N, C-alpha and C. Protein backbone atom coordinates (compact mmCIF):
# COMPACT_ATOMS: atom_id res chain seq x y z
N MET A 1 0.84 -1.15 0.02
CA MET A 1 0.01 0.02 0.02
C MET A 1 0.90 1.22 -0.01
N ARG A 2 0.56 2.14 -0.86
CA ARG A 2 1.34 3.38 -0.99
C ARG A 2 0.52 4.57 -0.58
N SER A 3 1.12 5.58 -0.05
CA SER A 3 0.47 6.84 0.27
C SER A 3 1.05 7.96 -0.45
N ASN A 4 0.26 8.99 -0.75
CA ASN A 4 0.74 10.17 -1.45
C ASN A 4 1.10 11.27 -0.41
N TYR A 5 1.14 10.94 0.88
CA TYR A 5 1.41 11.86 1.93
C TYR A 5 2.90 12.26 1.90
N ILE A 6 3.12 13.59 1.98
CA ILE A 6 4.49 14.09 2.05
C ILE A 6 4.58 14.90 3.31
N ARG A 7 5.60 14.60 4.14
CA ARG A 7 5.73 15.30 5.43
C ARG A 7 5.61 16.77 5.27
N GLY A 8 4.78 17.42 6.09
CA GLY A 8 4.59 18.83 6.04
C GLY A 8 3.45 19.29 5.09
N ALA A 9 2.99 18.38 4.27
CA ALA A 9 1.97 18.79 3.33
C ALA A 9 0.61 18.75 4.07
N SER A 10 -0.34 19.55 3.59
CA SER A 10 -1.62 19.57 4.17
C SER A 10 -2.57 18.72 3.41
N VAL A 11 -2.89 17.55 3.93
CA VAL A 11 -3.74 16.58 3.24
C VAL A 11 -5.14 16.86 3.66
N THR A 12 -6.08 17.00 2.75
CA THR A 12 -7.48 17.28 3.05
C THR A 12 -8.17 16.07 3.67
N CYS A 13 -9.19 16.30 4.46
CA CYS A 13 -9.98 15.23 5.04
C CYS A 13 -10.54 14.32 3.90
N SER A 14 -11.04 14.92 2.86
CA SER A 14 -11.63 14.16 1.79
C SER A 14 -10.60 13.25 1.11
N ALA A 15 -9.33 13.76 1.00
CA ALA A 15 -8.29 12.90 0.41
C ALA A 15 -7.96 11.73 1.26
N SER A 16 -7.91 11.95 2.58
CA SER A 16 -7.64 10.80 3.47
C SER A 16 -8.81 9.86 3.46
N GLN A 17 -10.06 10.34 3.41
CA GLN A 17 -11.21 9.46 3.38
C GLN A 17 -11.21 8.65 2.05
N ALA A 18 -10.86 9.29 0.97
CA ALA A 18 -10.79 8.58 -0.31
C ALA A 18 -9.71 7.45 -0.21
N GLU A 19 -8.62 7.76 0.41
CA GLU A 19 -7.55 6.77 0.51
C GLU A 19 -7.96 5.60 1.42
N ILE A 20 -8.68 5.93 2.52
CA ILE A 20 -9.19 4.87 3.36
C ILE A 20 -10.16 3.99 2.64
N GLN A 21 -11.10 4.63 1.96
CA GLN A 21 -12.09 3.86 1.16
C GLN A 21 -11.43 2.96 0.12
N ALA A 22 -10.41 3.46 -0.54
CA ALA A 22 -9.72 2.68 -1.57
C ALA A 22 -8.95 1.52 -0.91
N MET A 23 -8.29 1.74 0.20
CA MET A 23 -7.60 0.68 0.86
C MET A 23 -8.49 -0.41 1.34
N LEU A 24 -9.60 0.01 2.00
CA LEU A 24 -10.54 -1.03 2.49
C LEU A 24 -11.13 -1.81 1.38
N ALA A 25 -11.51 -1.13 0.32
CA ALA A 25 -12.12 -1.78 -0.83
C ALA A 25 -11.14 -2.78 -1.43
N ALA A 26 -9.90 -2.38 -1.60
CA ALA A 26 -8.84 -3.26 -2.11
C ALA A 26 -8.63 -4.50 -1.25
N ALA A 27 -8.95 -4.34 0.04
CA ALA A 27 -8.79 -5.45 1.00
C ALA A 27 -10.07 -6.30 1.02
N GLY A 28 -11.04 -6.02 0.20
CA GLY A 28 -12.26 -6.78 0.10
C GLY A 28 -13.42 -6.31 0.93
N ALA A 29 -13.24 -5.15 1.58
CA ALA A 29 -14.37 -4.60 2.40
C ALA A 29 -15.48 -4.07 1.49
N THR A 30 -16.68 -4.18 1.91
CA THR A 30 -17.83 -3.64 1.17
C THR A 30 -18.68 -2.81 2.13
N GLY A 31 -19.64 -2.07 1.53
CA GLY A 31 -20.58 -1.22 2.32
C GLY A 31 -19.85 -0.16 3.14
N ILE A 32 -18.79 0.36 2.60
CA ILE A 32 -17.97 1.33 3.35
C ILE A 32 -18.74 2.68 3.41
N ARG A 33 -18.95 3.15 4.65
CA ARG A 33 -19.72 4.35 4.86
C ARG A 33 -19.01 5.27 5.84
N PHE A 34 -19.09 6.58 5.60
CA PHE A 34 -18.58 7.65 6.50
C PHE A 34 -19.80 8.38 6.98
N ALA A 35 -19.89 8.58 8.26
CA ALA A 35 -20.99 9.38 8.80
C ALA A 35 -20.54 10.15 10.05
N SER A 36 -21.21 11.32 10.25
CA SER A 36 -20.96 12.14 11.43
C SER A 36 -22.19 12.17 12.29
N GLU A 37 -22.00 11.99 13.58
CA GLU A 37 -23.08 11.99 14.48
C GLU A 37 -22.64 12.44 15.90
N ARG A 38 -23.28 13.45 16.43
CA ARG A 38 -22.96 13.93 17.79
C ARG A 38 -21.44 14.27 17.88
N GLY A 39 -20.89 14.92 16.88
CA GLY A 39 -19.57 15.35 16.96
C GLY A 39 -18.48 14.30 16.65
N LYS A 40 -18.93 13.04 16.50
CA LYS A 40 -18.00 11.95 16.19
C LYS A 40 -18.23 11.54 14.73
N THR A 41 -17.10 11.18 14.13
CA THR A 41 -17.16 10.64 12.72
C THR A 41 -16.94 9.17 12.80
N ARG A 42 -17.71 8.40 12.03
CA ARG A 42 -17.64 6.97 12.12
C ARG A 42 -17.46 6.42 10.70
N ILE A 43 -16.71 5.34 10.64
CA ILE A 43 -16.52 4.58 9.39
C ILE A 43 -17.11 3.19 9.68
N THR A 44 -18.01 2.75 8.88
CA THR A 44 -18.52 1.39 8.99
C THR A 44 -18.22 0.64 7.69
N PHE A 45 -18.04 -0.65 7.80
CA PHE A 45 -17.82 -1.49 6.61
C PHE A 45 -18.02 -2.95 6.96
N ARG A 46 -18.13 -3.77 5.95
CA ARG A 46 -18.28 -5.21 6.15
C ARG A 46 -17.09 -5.91 5.48
N SER A 47 -16.68 -6.99 6.14
CA SER A 47 -15.61 -7.85 5.55
C SER A 47 -15.78 -9.22 6.14
N GLY A 48 -15.69 -10.21 5.31
CA GLY A 48 -15.79 -11.60 5.78
C GLY A 48 -17.05 -11.87 6.49
N GLY A 49 -18.17 -11.26 6.16
CA GLY A 49 -19.45 -11.49 6.80
C GLY A 49 -19.55 -10.77 8.13
N ARG A 50 -18.59 -9.96 8.47
CA ARG A 50 -18.67 -9.22 9.76
C ARG A 50 -18.76 -7.71 9.55
N HIS A 51 -19.28 -7.00 10.51
CA HIS A 51 -19.40 -5.60 10.42
C HIS A 51 -18.32 -4.97 11.34
N PHE A 52 -17.77 -3.81 10.90
CA PHE A 52 -16.74 -3.11 11.66
C PHE A 52 -17.12 -1.68 11.80
N LEU A 53 -16.62 -1.05 12.89
CA LEU A 53 -16.89 0.35 13.17
C LEU A 53 -15.64 1.02 13.69
N LEU A 54 -15.18 2.03 13.01
CA LEU A 54 -14.06 2.87 13.45
C LEU A 54 -14.58 4.24 13.73
N ALA A 55 -14.09 4.94 14.77
CA ALA A 55 -14.58 6.25 15.10
C ALA A 55 -13.46 7.24 15.38
N LEU A 56 -13.66 8.45 14.95
CA LEU A 56 -12.71 9.53 15.25
C LEU A 56 -13.40 10.36 16.35
N PRO A 57 -12.58 10.82 17.35
CA PRO A 57 -13.16 11.62 18.41
C PRO A 57 -13.71 12.94 17.95
N ALA A 58 -14.53 13.56 18.79
CA ALA A 58 -15.12 14.83 18.49
C ALA A 58 -14.02 15.89 18.32
N ALA A 59 -14.23 16.82 17.37
CA ALA A 59 -13.21 17.87 17.18
C ALA A 59 -13.47 19.03 18.13
N SER A 60 -12.52 19.86 18.28
CA SER A 60 -12.62 21.06 19.11
C SER A 60 -13.70 21.97 18.56
N SER A 61 -14.26 22.81 19.48
CA SER A 61 -15.31 23.73 19.05
C SER A 61 -14.73 24.98 18.36
N ASP A 62 -13.42 25.21 18.50
CA ASP A 62 -12.73 26.27 17.80
C ASP A 62 -12.51 25.90 16.35
N LEU A 63 -13.17 26.58 15.44
CA LEU A 63 -13.19 26.18 13.99
C LEU A 63 -11.80 25.92 13.46
N PRO A 64 -10.84 26.94 13.44
CA PRO A 64 -9.56 26.61 12.83
C PRO A 64 -8.87 25.38 13.50
N ARG A 65 -8.95 25.29 14.83
CA ARG A 65 -8.36 24.14 15.52
C ARG A 65 -9.11 22.86 15.11
N ALA A 66 -10.38 22.93 14.97
CA ALA A 66 -11.19 21.77 14.59
C ALA A 66 -10.81 21.30 13.19
N GLN A 67 -10.61 22.17 12.30
CA GLN A 67 -10.28 21.80 10.93
C GLN A 67 -8.89 21.14 10.87
N GLU A 68 -7.91 21.68 11.58
CA GLU A 68 -6.58 21.06 11.59
C GLU A 68 -6.63 19.72 12.35
N SER A 69 -7.42 19.63 13.41
CA SER A 69 -7.55 18.39 14.16
C SER A 69 -8.19 17.31 13.28
N ALA A 70 -9.21 17.69 12.52
CA ALA A 70 -9.93 16.75 11.63
C ALA A 70 -8.95 16.26 10.57
N ARG A 71 -8.18 17.16 9.94
CA ARG A 71 -7.18 16.73 8.92
C ARG A 71 -6.20 15.76 9.48
N ARG A 72 -5.67 16.10 10.67
CA ARG A 72 -4.69 15.23 11.31
C ARG A 72 -5.29 13.86 11.68
N GLY A 73 -6.53 13.89 12.25
CA GLY A 73 -7.18 12.65 12.64
C GLY A 73 -7.39 11.74 11.43
N TRP A 74 -7.89 12.27 10.32
CA TRP A 74 -8.12 11.43 9.14
C TRP A 74 -6.77 10.92 8.55
N ARG A 75 -5.77 11.80 8.56
CA ARG A 75 -4.42 11.35 8.05
C ARG A 75 -3.89 10.25 8.95
N GLN A 76 -4.01 10.33 10.26
CA GLN A 76 -3.52 9.35 11.19
C GLN A 76 -4.31 8.03 11.05
N LEU A 77 -5.62 8.17 10.88
CA LEU A 77 -6.48 6.98 10.71
C LEU A 77 -6.05 6.28 9.42
N SER A 78 -5.85 7.02 8.37
CA SER A 78 -5.38 6.42 7.10
C SER A 78 -4.07 5.70 7.31
N ALA A 79 -3.13 6.26 7.97
CA ALA A 79 -1.84 5.60 8.22
C ALA A 79 -2.02 4.36 9.10
N LEU A 80 -2.92 4.36 10.05
CA LEU A 80 -3.18 3.22 10.91
C LEU A 80 -3.74 2.08 10.11
N ILE A 81 -4.78 2.41 9.28
CA ILE A 81 -5.39 1.37 8.43
C ILE A 81 -4.41 0.83 7.45
N ARG A 82 -3.57 1.68 6.84
CA ARG A 82 -2.51 1.21 5.93
C ARG A 82 -1.53 0.25 6.58
N ALA A 83 -1.11 0.59 7.84
CA ALA A 83 -0.20 -0.30 8.53
C ALA A 83 -0.88 -1.66 8.84
N LYS A 84 -2.12 -1.59 9.28
CA LYS A 84 -2.84 -2.88 9.57
C LYS A 84 -2.94 -3.75 8.33
N LEU A 85 -3.37 -3.15 7.23
CA LEU A 85 -3.54 -3.86 6.01
C LEU A 85 -2.19 -4.32 5.44
N ASP A 86 -1.12 -3.59 5.63
CA ASP A 86 0.22 -4.06 5.19
C ASP A 86 0.63 -5.26 5.98
N ALA A 87 0.32 -5.26 7.29
CA ALA A 87 0.63 -6.41 8.14
C ALA A 87 -0.18 -7.65 7.71
N VAL A 88 -1.45 -7.45 7.35
CA VAL A 88 -2.23 -8.53 6.85
C VAL A 88 -1.68 -9.06 5.54
N ASP A 89 -1.36 -8.13 4.61
CA ASP A 89 -0.80 -8.55 3.30
C ASP A 89 0.52 -9.33 3.42
N ALA A 90 1.29 -8.97 4.48
CA ALA A 90 2.60 -9.66 4.70
C ALA A 90 2.39 -11.00 5.43
N GLY A 91 1.18 -11.31 5.88
CA GLY A 91 0.97 -12.59 6.53
C GLY A 91 1.36 -12.53 7.99
N ILE A 92 1.59 -11.37 8.55
CA ILE A 92 2.01 -11.28 9.96
C ILE A 92 0.81 -11.52 10.84
N THR A 93 -0.35 -11.13 10.38
CA THR A 93 -1.60 -11.18 11.12
C THR A 93 -2.75 -11.42 10.17
N THR A 94 -3.99 -11.52 10.71
CA THR A 94 -5.17 -11.64 9.85
C THR A 94 -5.98 -10.40 9.95
N PHE A 95 -6.88 -10.19 9.03
CA PHE A 95 -7.76 -9.04 9.00
C PHE A 95 -8.56 -8.99 10.30
N ASP A 96 -9.17 -10.14 10.68
CA ASP A 96 -9.97 -10.20 11.87
C ASP A 96 -9.11 -9.83 13.13
N GLU A 97 -7.85 -10.36 13.21
CA GLU A 97 -7.02 -10.00 14.36
C GLU A 97 -6.72 -8.52 14.44
N GLU A 98 -6.42 -7.93 13.29
CA GLU A 98 -6.11 -6.46 13.28
C GLU A 98 -7.27 -5.60 13.60
N PHE A 99 -8.46 -5.96 13.16
CA PHE A 99 -9.62 -5.13 13.36
C PHE A 99 -10.61 -5.70 14.43
N LEU A 100 -10.13 -6.68 15.23
CA LEU A 100 -11.00 -7.29 16.24
C LEU A 100 -11.65 -6.31 17.15
N ALA A 101 -10.95 -5.32 17.66
CA ALA A 101 -11.52 -4.41 18.64
C ALA A 101 -12.67 -3.61 18.01
N SER A 102 -12.63 -3.40 16.69
CA SER A 102 -13.61 -2.61 15.96
C SER A 102 -14.77 -3.45 15.36
N MET A 103 -14.70 -4.80 15.58
CA MET A 103 -15.72 -5.62 15.11
C MET A 103 -17.06 -5.39 15.87
N VAL A 104 -18.14 -5.26 15.14
CA VAL A 104 -19.45 -4.94 15.76
C VAL A 104 -20.10 -6.33 16.16
N MET A 105 -20.47 -6.38 17.45
CA MET A 105 -21.15 -7.57 17.93
C MET A 105 -22.64 -7.44 17.84
N PRO A 106 -23.35 -8.58 18.00
CA PRO A 106 -24.83 -8.47 18.03
C PRO A 106 -25.22 -7.48 19.16
N GLY A 107 -26.12 -6.62 18.87
CA GLY A 107 -26.48 -5.57 19.81
C GLY A 107 -25.88 -4.23 19.46
N GLY A 108 -24.95 -4.23 18.56
CA GLY A 108 -24.39 -2.94 18.02
C GLY A 108 -23.14 -2.41 18.67
N THR A 109 -22.65 -3.06 19.75
CA THR A 109 -21.42 -2.54 20.37
C THR A 109 -20.19 -3.22 19.74
N THR A 110 -19.05 -2.58 19.88
CA THR A 110 -17.85 -3.20 19.36
C THR A 110 -17.28 -4.19 20.33
N VAL A 111 -16.41 -5.08 19.89
CA VAL A 111 -15.74 -6.05 20.74
C VAL A 111 -15.01 -5.29 21.88
N PHE A 112 -14.31 -4.21 21.55
CA PHE A 112 -13.56 -3.48 22.55
C PHE A 112 -14.51 -2.98 23.66
N ARG A 113 -15.62 -2.34 23.28
CA ARG A 113 -16.57 -1.86 24.30
C ARG A 113 -17.16 -2.97 25.18
N ALA A 114 -17.35 -4.15 24.52
CA ALA A 114 -17.91 -5.28 25.24
C ALA A 114 -16.96 -5.90 26.23
N VAL A 115 -15.66 -5.96 25.94
CA VAL A 115 -14.71 -6.66 26.80
C VAL A 115 -13.92 -5.78 27.73
N ALA A 116 -13.80 -4.45 27.38
CA ALA A 116 -12.99 -3.55 28.21
C ALA A 116 -13.31 -3.54 29.68
N PRO A 117 -14.63 -3.51 30.08
CA PRO A 117 -14.93 -3.52 31.49
C PRO A 117 -14.44 -4.82 32.19
N GLY A 118 -14.63 -5.95 31.55
CA GLY A 118 -14.17 -7.21 32.14
C GLY A 118 -12.63 -7.27 32.30
N ILE A 119 -11.88 -6.75 31.31
CA ILE A 119 -10.46 -6.67 31.39
C ILE A 119 -10.05 -5.80 32.53
N ALA A 120 -10.65 -4.60 32.62
CA ALA A 120 -10.34 -3.68 33.71
C ALA A 120 -10.59 -4.28 35.08
N ALA A 121 -11.74 -5.02 35.18
CA ALA A 121 -12.10 -5.62 36.47
C ALA A 121 -11.06 -6.75 36.83
N ALA A 122 -10.68 -7.54 35.81
CA ALA A 122 -9.73 -8.58 36.05
C ALA A 122 -8.39 -8.05 36.47
N CYS A 123 -7.94 -6.99 35.83
CA CYS A 123 -6.65 -6.35 36.23
C CYS A 123 -6.74 -5.74 37.58
N ALA A 124 -7.83 -5.14 37.94
CA ALA A 124 -7.99 -4.59 39.27
C ALA A 124 -8.00 -5.63 40.34
N ALA A 125 -8.59 -6.79 40.01
CA ALA A 125 -8.70 -7.86 40.97
C ALA A 125 -7.38 -8.58 41.17
N THR A 126 -6.60 -8.69 40.09
CA THR A 126 -5.38 -9.50 40.21
C THR A 126 -4.11 -8.71 40.24
N GLY A 127 -4.20 -7.42 39.95
CA GLY A 127 -2.98 -6.57 39.93
C GLY A 127 -2.38 -6.66 38.51
N PRO A 128 -1.28 -5.92 38.36
CA PRO A 128 -0.68 -5.87 37.01
C PRO A 128 -0.06 -7.21 36.64
N VAL A 129 -0.11 -7.51 35.35
CA VAL A 129 0.50 -8.73 34.89
C VAL A 129 2.02 -8.54 34.88
N PRO A 130 2.74 -9.50 35.45
CA PRO A 130 4.19 -9.41 35.46
C PRO A 130 4.77 -9.54 34.01
N PRO A 131 5.92 -8.86 33.81
CA PRO A 131 6.46 -8.99 32.44
C PRO A 131 6.95 -10.40 32.19
N ALA A 132 6.93 -10.77 30.94
CA ALA A 132 7.43 -12.10 30.52
C ALA A 132 8.89 -12.19 30.66
N ALA A 133 9.35 -13.38 30.94
CA ALA A 133 10.81 -13.64 31.01
C ALA A 133 11.39 -13.36 29.65
N PRO A 134 12.65 -12.85 29.62
CA PRO A 134 13.33 -12.64 28.28
C PRO A 134 13.30 -13.92 27.47
N GLY A 135 12.85 -13.79 26.21
CA GLY A 135 12.85 -14.94 25.34
C GLY A 135 11.59 -15.76 25.41
N ALA A 136 10.75 -15.56 26.43
CA ALA A 136 9.56 -16.38 26.62
C ALA A 136 8.50 -15.95 25.62
N LEU A 137 7.82 -16.86 25.09
CA LEU A 137 6.75 -16.63 24.16
C LEU A 137 5.41 -16.84 24.85
N PRO A 138 4.38 -16.01 24.53
CA PRO A 138 3.08 -16.24 25.09
C PRO A 138 2.50 -17.58 24.59
N ALA A 139 1.53 -18.04 25.34
CA ALA A 139 0.87 -19.29 24.96
C ALA A 139 0.25 -19.11 23.56
N ALA A 140 0.29 -20.18 22.85
CA ALA A 140 -0.26 -20.13 21.45
C ALA A 140 -1.75 -19.87 21.50
N SER A 141 -2.24 -19.05 20.59
CA SER A 141 -3.68 -18.82 20.53
C SER A 141 -4.29 -19.77 19.54
N PRO A 142 -5.60 -19.94 19.63
CA PRO A 142 -6.30 -20.93 18.76
C PRO A 142 -6.22 -20.48 17.33
């Protein structure tokens, strides 16, 4: 995946959105939609029979600051998606692994929103997880 971004250049929101749409479509995503609601911008799409939701935080109420923040947010989201899809293309990970937190579950919430409270509660109950020993690998996942 290539980007036309040049350090210091001002990339418009629509240019970043077009790049995101093209990258997701090239990766097989369908139903790609961009929507704004209550100050948040959301991207929804389908892939592999699953629905995904990505969101950008609300922009500042100061218009010039909001415009720059929006440009930066879209540019960063484009870079993030590009990195995830590059890792998928390289066989380092799978699409579902990279976008798992953004996968929409029955009921409309994302996997992240569904599991975050349980993870926080488990960490609070057991304390921080100790670091792995040098060279130790985590248990294999299914």
